[in-house]
Amino acid sequence: MPAPVHQLDTVRLDTDRGSELIDAPAQLERQRLILDRMPHVALPQAESRDFITRLAGDV
């Protein structure tokens, strides 16, 4: 499992409304928690690849 992200100074979020830079401590903590959870909710590599292949086939 990757090491947790301990220090974030600035986060850039790209959304449908454009980019946003976040640097407030509370917002950075929220982003840190999201990144720390990623390994627990992401599909394993092979399943992710199969999922993307199925989606591409549906287009």
Protein backbone atom coordinates (compact mmCIF):
# COMPACT_ATOMS: atom_id res chain seq x y z
CA MET A 1 0.00 0.00 0.00
CA PRO A 2 1.37 3.46 -0.87
CA ALA A 3 2.36 5.78 1.93
CA PRO A 4 -0.23 8.38 2.96
CA VAL A 5 0.10 11.93 1.63
CA HIS A 6 1.31 13.90 4.63
CA GLN A 7 1.74 17.45 3.35
CA LEU A 8 -0.11 19.23 0.60
CA ASP A 9 0.58 22.94 0.08
CA THR A 10 -1.77 23.50 -2.82
CA VAL A 11 -4.24 21.33 -4.72
CA ARG A 12 -5.47 22.06 -8.22
CA LEU A 13 -8.96 20.79 -9.00
CA ASP A 14 -10.07 20.65 -12.62
CA THR A 15 -13.85 20.70 -12.97
CA ASP A 16 -16.40 21.39 -15.67
CA ARG A 17 -16.35 25.03 -14.47
CA GLY A 18 -12.56 25.40 -14.82
CA SER A 19 -9.60 25.03 -12.48
CA GLU A 20 -9.52 25.90 -8.80
CA LEU A 21 -6.49 26.19 -6.54
CA ILE A 22 -7.07 25.17 -2.93
CA ASP A 23 -4.69 26.17 -0.16
CA ALA A 24 -6.82 26.57 2.98
CA PRO A 25 -5.81 24.09 5.70
CA ALA A 26 -9.33 22.62 6.11
CA GLN A 27 -9.72 22.11 2.35
CA LEU A 28 -6.24 20.56 2.10
CA GLU A 29 -7.10 18.16 4.92
CA ARG A 30 -10.24 17.09 3.01
CA GLN A 31 -8.16 16.43 -0.12
CA ARG A 32 -5.59 14.53 1.95
CA LEU A 33 -8.34 12.27 3.33
CA ILE A 34 -9.64 11.65 -0.19
CA LEU A 35 -6.17 10.69 -1.44
CA ASP A 36 -5.57 8.44 1.58
CA ARG A 37 -8.81 6.54 0.78
CA MET A 38 -8.04 6.00 -2.91
CA PRO A 39 -6.21 2.67 -2.54
CA HIS A 40 -9.17 1.27 -0.59
CA VAL A 41 -11.85 2.18 -3.14
CA ALA A 42 -10.04 1.88 -6.48
CA LEU A 43 -10.37 -1.25 -8.58
CA PRO A 44 -7.29 -3.45 -8.86
CA GLN A 45 -5.26 -2.78 -12.02
CA ALA A 46 -6.56 -5.74 -14.04
CA GLU A 47 -10.20 -5.07 -13.11
CA SER A 48 -9.77 -1.40 -13.93
CA ARG A 49 -8.36 -2.24 -17.35
CA ASP A 50 -11.26 -4.67 -18.03
CA PHE A 51 -13.79 -2.05 -16.92
CA ILE A 52 -12.33 0.58 -19.25
CA THR A 53 -12.25 -1.93 -22.12
CA ARG A 54 -15.96 -2.73 -21.55
CA LEU A 55 -16.84 0.97 -21.43
CA ALA A 56 -14.93 1.66 -24.64
CA GLY A 57 -16.81 -1.18 -26.32
CA ASP A 58 -20.13 0.40 -25.36
CA VAL A 59 -19.34 3.68 -27.11
